[in-house]
PDB file of N, CA and C in Angstrom:
ATOM      1  N   MET A   1     103.815 -61.089 127.705  1.00  0.00           N
ATOM      2  CA  MET A   1     102.483 -61.504 128.087  1.00  0.00           C
ATOM      3  C   MET A   1     101.720 -61.876 126.822  1.00  0.00           C
ATOM      4  N   SER A   2     100.916 -62.871 126.949  1.00  0.00           N
ATOM      5  CA  SER A   2     100.241 -63.376 125.754  1.00  0.00           C
ATOM      6  C   SER A   2      99.129 -62.431 125.301  1.00  0.00           C
ATOM      7  N   LEU A   3      98.875 -62.475 124.028  1.00  0.00           N
ATOM      8  CA  LEU A   3      97.831 -61.654 123.419  1.00  0.00           C
ATOM      9  C   LEU A   3      96.460 -62.046 123.957  1.00  0.00           C
ATOM     10  N   VAL A   4      96.275 -63.327 124.237  1.00  0.00           N
ATOM     11  CA  VAL A   4      94.989 -63.803 124.752  1.00  0.00           C
ATOM     12  C   VAL A   4      94.700 -63.174 126.114  1.00  0.00           C
ATOM     13  N   LEU A   5      95.708 -63.131 126.978  1.00  0.00           N
ATOM     14  CA  LEU A   5      95.525 -62.555 128.305  1.00  0.00           C
ATOM     15  C   LEU A   5      95.226 -61.062 128.207  1.00  0.00           C
ATOM     16  N   LYS A   6      95.939 -60.363 127.332  1.00  0.00           N
ATOM     17  CA  LYS A   6      95.669 -58.933 127.134  1.00  0.00           C
ATOM     18  C   LYS A   6      94.250 -58.712 126.623  1.00  0.00           C
ATOM     19  N   THR A   7      93.808 -59.576 125.716  1.00  0.00           N
ATOM     20  CA  THR A   7      92.464 -59.459 125.164  1.00  0.00           C
ATOM     21  C   THR A   7      91.412 -59.696 126.241  1.00  0.00           C
ATOM     22  N   ILE A   8      91.624 -60.707 127.078  1.00  0.00           N
ATOM     23  CA  ILE A   8      90.670 -61.017 128.142  1.00  0.00           C
ATOM     24  C   ILE A   8      90.589 -59.862 129.130  1.00  0.00           C
ATOM     25  N   ILE A   9      91.734 -59.322 129.538  1.00  0.00           N
ATOM     26  CA  ILE A   9      91.732 -58.210 130.489  1.00  0.00           C
ATOM     27  C   ILE A   9      91.079 -56.973 129.879  1.00  0.00           C
ATOM     28  N   GLY A  10      91.359 -56.697 128.621  1.00  0.00           N
ATOM     29  CA  GLY A  10      90.713 -55.572 127.946  1.00  0.00           C
ATOM     30  C   GLY A  10      89.208 -55.756 127.848  1.00  0.00           C
ATOM     31  N   PHE A  11      88.779 -56.973 127.538  1.00  0.00           N
ATOM     32  CA  PHE A  11      87.352 -57.272 127.451  1.00  0.00           C
ATOM     33  C   PHE A  11      86.684 -57.081 128.806  1.00  0.00           C
ATOM     34  N   LEU A  12      87.323 -57.582 129.870  1.00  0.00           N
ATOM     35  CA  LEU A  12      86.758 -57.421 131.210  1.00  0.00           C
ATOM     36  C   LEU A  12      86.675 -55.946 131.597  1.00  0.00           C
ATOM     37  N   ASP A  13      87.669 -55.167 131.202  1.00  0.00           N
ATOM     38  CA  ASP A  13      87.669 -53.732 131.475  1.00  0.00           C
ATOM     39  C   ASP A  13      86.470 -53.063 130.819  1.00  0.00           C
ATOM     40  N   VAL A  14      86.216 -53.386 129.567  1.00  0.00           N
ATOM     41  CA  VAL A  14      85.085 -52.798 128.841  1.00  0.00           C
ATOM     42  C   VAL A  14      83.757 -53.267 129.442  1.00  0.00           C
ATOM     43  N   VAL A  15      83.648 -54.559 129.722  1.00  0.00           N
ATOM     44  CA  VAL A  15      82.406 -55.104 130.276  1.00  0.00           C
ATOM     45  C   VAL A  15      82.122 -54.483 131.639  1.00  0.00           C
ATOM     46  N   LEU A  16      83.143 -54.365 132.487  1.00  0.00           N
ATOM     47  CA  LEU A  16      82.958 -53.760 133.803  1.00  0.00           C
ATOM     48  C   LEU A  16      82.494 -52.313 133.663  1.00  0.00           C
ATOM     49  N   GLY A  17      83.070 -51.582 132.741  1.00  0.00           N
ATOM     50  CA  GLY A  17      82.651 -50.199 132.511  1.00  0.00           C
ATOM     51  C   GLY A  17      81.203 -50.113 132.063  1.00  0.00           C
ATOM     52  N   ARG A  18      80.798 -51.011 131.183  1.00  0.00           N
ATOM     53  CA  ARG A  18      79.407 -51.012 130.696  1.00  0.00           C
ATOM     54  C   ARG A  18      78.439 -51.364 131.823  1.00  0.00           C
ATOM     55  N   ILE A  19      78.813 -52.331 132.657  1.00  0.00           N
ATOM     56  CA  ILE A  19      77.948 -52.731 133.770  1.00  0.00           C
ATOM     57  C   ILE A  19      77.772 -51.569 134.741  1.00  0.00           C
ATOM     58  N   ILE A  20      78.857 -50.900 135.077  1.00  0.00           N
ATOM     59  CA  ILE A  20      78.783 -49.754 135.984  1.00  0.00           C
ATOM     60  C   ILE A  20      77.920 -48.654 135.365  1.00  0.00           C
ATOM     61  N   HIS A  21      78.108 -48.400 134.072  1.00  0.00           N
ATOM     62  CA  HIS A  21      77.321 -47.373 133.393  1.00  0.00           C
ATOM     63  C   HIS A  21      75.828 -47.715 133.407  1.00  0.00           C
ATOM     64  N   LEU A  22      75.499 -48.971 133.092  1.00  0.00           N
ATOM     65  CA  LEU A  22      74.095 -49.391 133.095  1.00  0.00           C
ATOM     66  C   LEU A  22      73.503 -49.352 134.498  1.00  0.00           C
ATOM     67  N   TYR A  23      74.306 -49.709 135.492  1.00  0.00           N
ATOM     68  CA  TYR A  23      73.840 -49.647 136.880  1.00  0.00           C
ATOM     69  C   TYR A  23      73.482 -48.212 137.248  1.00  0.00           C
ATOM     70  N   GLY A  24      74.361 -47.286 136.907  1.00  0.00           N
ATOM     71  CA  GLY A  24      74.088 -45.879 137.189  1.00  0.00           C
ATOM     72  C   GLY A  24      72.872 -45.366 136.433  1.00  0.00           C
ATOM     73  N   LEU A  25      72.723 -45.783 135.191  1.00  0.00           N
ATOM     74  CA  LEU A  25      71.571 -45.376 134.392  1.00  0.00           C
ATOM     75  C   LEU A  25      70.275 -45.922 134.988  1.00  0.00           C
ATOM     76  N   CYS A  26      70.297 -47.188 135.400  1.00  0.00           N
ATOM     77  CA  CYS A  26      69.107 -47.778 136.022  1.00  0.00           C
ATOM     78  C   CYS A  26      68.780 -47.084 137.338  1.00  0.00           C
ATOM     79  N   GLN A  27      69.786 -46.763 138.119  1.00  0.00           N
ATOM     80  CA  GLN A  27      69.549 -46.044 139.369  1.00  0.00           C
ATOM     81  C   GLN A  27      68.904 -44.694 139.083  1.00  0.00           C
ATOM     82  N   HIS A  28      69.383 -44.031 138.056  1.00  0.00           N
ATOM     83  CA  HIS A  28      68.849 -42.719 137.707  1.00  0.00           C
ATOM     84  C   HIS A  28      67.395 -42.826 137.251  1.00  0.00           C
ATOM     85  N   ILE A  29      67.063 -43.863 136.504  1.00  0.00           N
ATOM     86  CA  ILE A  29      65.708 -44.023 135.986  1.00  0.00           C
ATOM     87  C   ILE A  29      64.736 -44.455 137.085  1.00  0.00           C
ATOM     88  N   PHE A  30      65.139 -45.421 137.911  1.00  0.00           N
ATOM     89  CA  PHE A  30      64.197 -46.036 138.841  1.00  0.00           C
ATOM     90  C   PHE A  30      64.154 -45.385 140.218  1.00  0.00           C
ATOM     91  N   ARG A  31      65.092 -44.564 140.552  1.00  0.00           N
ATOM     92  CA  ARG A  31      65.075 -43.905 141.858  1.00  0.00           C
ATOM     93  C   ARG A  31      64.223 -42.646 141.804  1.00  0.00           C
ATOM     94  N   GLU A  32      63.555 -42.361 142.918  1.00  0.00           N
ATOM     95  CA  GLU A  32      62.767 -41.137 142.973  1.00  0.00           C
ATOM     96  C   GLU A  32      63.669 -39.935 143.159  1.00  0.00           C
ATOM     97  N   SER A  33      64.707 -40.103 143.928  1.00  0.00           N
ATOM     98  CA  SER A  33      65.592 -38.988 144.229  1.00  0.00           C
ATOM     99  C   SER A  33      66.805 -39.026 143.310  1.00  0.00           C
ATOM    100  N   ALA A  34      66.958 -38.000 142.490  1.00  0.00           N
ATOM    101  CA  ALA A  34      68.108 -37.936 141.584  1.00  0.00           C
ATOM    102  C   ALA A  34      69.405 -37.797 142.370  1.00  0.00           C
ATOM    103  N   HIS A  35      69.334 -37.156 143.522  1.00  0.00           N
ATOM    104  CA  HIS A  35      70.545 -36.974 144.323  1.00  0.00           C
ATOM    105  C   HIS A  35      71.099 -38.316 144.779  1.00  0.00           C
ATOM    106  N   GLN A  36      70.229 -39.202 145.262  1.00  0.00           N
ATOM    107  CA  GLN A  36      70.682 -40.518 145.714  1.00  0.00           C
ATOM    108  C   GLN A  36      71.289 -41.312 144.558  1.00  0.00           C
ATOM    109  N   SER A  37      70.680 -41.234 143.393  1.00  0.00           N
ATOM    110  CA  SER A  37      71.210 -42.001 142.264  1.00  0.00           C
ATOM    111  C   SER A  37      72.563 -41.449 141.825  1.00  0.00           C
ATOM    112  N   ASN A  38      72.742 -40.119 141.872  1.00  0.00           N
ATOM    113  CA  ASN A  38      74.022 -39.533 141.494  1.00  0.00           C
ATOM    114  C   ASN A  38      75.121 -39.942 142.465  1.00  0.00           C
ATOM    115  N   VAL A  39      74.797 -39.971 143.762  1.00  0.00           N
ATOM    116  CA  VAL A  39      75.785 -40.404 144.752  1.00  0.00           C
ATOM    117  C   VAL A  39      76.157 -41.859 144.496  1.00  0.00           C
ATOM    118  N   THR A  40      75.152 -42.698 144.242  1.00  0.00           N
ATOM    119  CA  THR A  40      75.406 -44.114 143.983  1.00  0.00           C
ATOM    120  C   THR A  40      76.251 -44.285 142.723  1.00  0.00           C
ATOM    121  N   TYR A  41      75.920 -43.540 141.675  1.00  0.00           N
ATOM    122  CA  TYR A  41      76.670 -43.635 140.425  1.00  0.00           C
ATOM    123  C   TYR A  41      78.105 -43.159 140.622  1.00  0.00           C
ATOM    124  N   ASP A  42      78.302 -42.101 141.399  1.00  0.00           N
ATOM    125  CA  ASP A  42      79.661 -41.622 141.667  1.00  0.00           C
ATOM    126  C   ASP A  42      80.475 -42.677 142.401  1.00  0.00           C
ATOM    127  N   LEU A  43      79.865 -43.336 143.374  1.00  0.00           N
ATOM    128  CA  LEU A  43      80.576 -44.393 144.095  1.00  0.00           C
ATOM    129  C   LEU A  43      80.944 -45.541 143.159  1.00  0.00           C
ATOM    130  N   ALA A  44      80.006 -45.917 142.294  1.00  0.00           N
ATOM    131  CA  ALA A  44      80.267 -46.994 141.346  1.00  0.00           C
ATOM    132  C   ALA A  44      81.362 -46.579 140.361  1.00  0.00           C
ATOM    133  N   SER A  45      81.334 -45.328 139.918  1.00  0.00           N
ATOM    134  CA  SER A  45      82.355 -44.847 138.987  1.00  0.00           C
ATOM    135  C   SER A  45      83.730 -44.848 139.636  1.00  0.00           C
ATOM    136  N   ASN A  46      83.797 -44.420 140.887  1.00  0.00           N
ATOM    137  CA  ASN A  46      85.082 -44.426 141.597  1.00  0.00           C
ATOM    138  C   ASN A  46      85.606 -45.844 141.760  1.00  0.00           C
ATOM    139  N   MET A  47      84.702 -46.782 142.050  1.00  0.00           N
ATOM    140  CA  MET A  47      85.108 -48.181 142.176  1.00  0.00           C
ATOM    141  C   MET A  47      85.651 -48.689 140.840  1.00  0.00           C
ATOM    142  N   TYR A  48      84.973 -48.350 139.755  1.00  0.00           N
ATOM    143  CA  TYR A  48      85.415 -48.773 138.422  1.00  0.00           C
ATOM    144  C   TYR A  48      86.795 -48.196 138.106  1.00  0.00           C
ATOM    145  N   LEU A  49      86.993 -46.921 138.395  1.00  0.00           N
ATOM    146  CA  LEU A  49      88.290 -46.300 138.115  1.00  0.00           C
ATOM    147  C   LEU A  49      89.403 -46.952 138.926  1.00  0.00           C
ATOM    148  N   GLN A  50      89.113 -47.316 140.182  1.00  0.00           N
ATOM    149  CA  GLN A  50      90.118 -47.979 141.008  1.00  0.00           C
ATOM    150  C   GLN A  50      90.457 -49.358 140.451  1.00  0.00           C
ATOM    151  N   VAL A  51      89.434 -50.112 140.039  1.00  0.00           N
ATOM    152  CA  VAL A  51      89.668 -51.437 139.454  1.00  0.00           C
ATOM    153  C   VAL A  51      90.470 -51.302 138.162  1.00  0.00           C
ATOM    154  N   LYS A  52      90.124 -50.317 137.343  1.00  0.00           N
ATOM    155  CA  LYS A  52      90.842 -50.097 136.084  1.00  0.00           C
ATOM    156  C   LYS A  52      92.306 -49.757 136.356  1.00  0.00           C
ATOM    157  N   LYS A  53      92.555 -48.909 137.362  1.00  0.00           N
ATOM    158  CA  LYS A  53      93.928 -48.560 137.734  1.00  0.00           C
ATOM    159  C   LYS A  53      94.689 -49.816 138.164  1.00  0.00           C
ATOM    160  N   ASN A  54      94.039 -50.666 138.958  1.00  0.00           N
ATOM    161  CA  ASN A  54      94.681 -51.896 139.405  1.00  0.00           C
ATOM    162  C   ASN A  54      94.971 -52.827 138.229  1.00  0.00           C
ATOM    163  N   LEU A  55      94.055 -52.895 137.255  1.00  0.00           N
ATOM    164  CA  LEU A  55      94.284 -53.733 136.076  1.00  0.00           C
ATOM    165  C   LEU A  55      95.509 -53.249 135.295  1.00  0.00           C
ATOM    166  N   PHE A  56      95.635 -51.940 135.146  1.00  0.00           N
ATOM    167  CA  PHE A  56      96.788 -51.411 134.429  1.00  0.00           C
ATOM    168  C   PHE A  56      98.089 -51.672 135.184  1.00  0.00           C
ATOM    169  N   GLU A  57      98.034 -51.618 136.518  1.00  0.00           N
ATOM    170  CA  GLU A  57      99.227 -51.936 137.309  1.00  0.00           C
ATOM    171  C   GLU A  57      99.614 -53.403 137.124  1.00  0.00           C
ATOM    172  N   VAL A  58      98.622 -54.281 137.091  1.00  0.00           N
ATOM    173  CA  VAL A  58      98.886 -55.709 136.867  1.00  0.00           C
ATOM    174  C   VAL A  58      99.470 -55.920 135.471  1.00  0.00           C
ATOM    175  N   LEU A  59      98.882 -55.253 134.476  1.00  0.00           N
ATOM    176  CA  LEU A  59      99.399 -55.375 133.111  1.00  0.00           C
ATOM    177  C   LEU A  59     100.850 -54.901 133.024  1.00  0.00           C
ATOM    178  N   LYS A  60     101.152 -53.791 133.678  1.00  0.00           N
ATOM    179  CA  LYS A  60     102.515 -53.263 133.657  1.00  0.00           C
ATOM    180  C   LYS A  60     103.483 -54.241 134.322  1.00  0.00           C
ATOM    181  N   ALA A  61     103.063 -54.808 135.457  1.00  0.00           N
ATOM    182  CA  ALA A  61     103.912 -55.772 136.156  1.00  0.00           C
ATOM    183  C   ALA A  61     104.130 -57.025 135.306  1.00  0.00           C
ATOM    184  N   MET A  62     103.074 -57.463 134.620  1.00  0.00           N
ATOM    185  CA  MET A  62     103.204 -58.654 133.772  1.00  0.00           C
ATOM    186  C   MET A  62     104.075 -58.360 132.553  1.00  0.00           C
ATOM    187  N   LYS A  63     104.011 -57.151 132.058  1.00  0.00           N
ATOM    188  CA  LYS A  63     104.821 -56.770 130.903  1.00  0.00           C
ATOM    189  C   LYS A  63     106.309 -56.745 131.285  1.00  0.00           C
ATOM    190  N   ASP A  64     106.589 -56.273 132.499  1.00  0.00           N
ATOM    191  CA  ASP A  64     107.973 -56.199 132.962  1.00  0.00           C
ATOM    192  C   ASP A  64     108.540 -57.573 133.308  1.00  0.00           C
ATOM    193  N   ASP A  65     107.645 -58.508 133.660  1.00  0.00           N
ATOM    194  CA  ASP A  65     108.072 -59.857 134.014  1.00  0.00           C
ATOM    195  C   ASP A  65     108.230 -60.691 132.739  1.00  0.00           C
ATOM    196  N   PRO A  66     109.412 -61.278 132.501  1.00  0.00           N
ATOM    197  CA  PRO A  66     109.626 -62.020 131.257  1.00  0.00           C
ATOM    198  C   PRO A  66     108.837 -63.323 131.159  1.00  0.00           C
ATOM    199  N   ASP A  67     108.334 -63.858 132.279  1.00  0.00           N
ATOM    200  CA  ASP A  67     107.603 -65.140 132.230  1.00  0.00           C
ATOM    201  C   ASP A  67     106.227 -64.958 131.709  1.00  0.00           C
TER     202      ASP A  67
END
């Protein structure tokens, strides 16, 4: 797999993590109820972890594929 593709996927992984983190932080700051913001942040974090897991599975499959 090309270095450019690995770099792009790594960059997207970091950017997605930062966006999720900022979303959770904004929810925590702007929401009146801390409980609602924590639930929202947990859902966003779980979504991020699932996407990250899928990215690693794709990377592994691409690494195993010689093309």
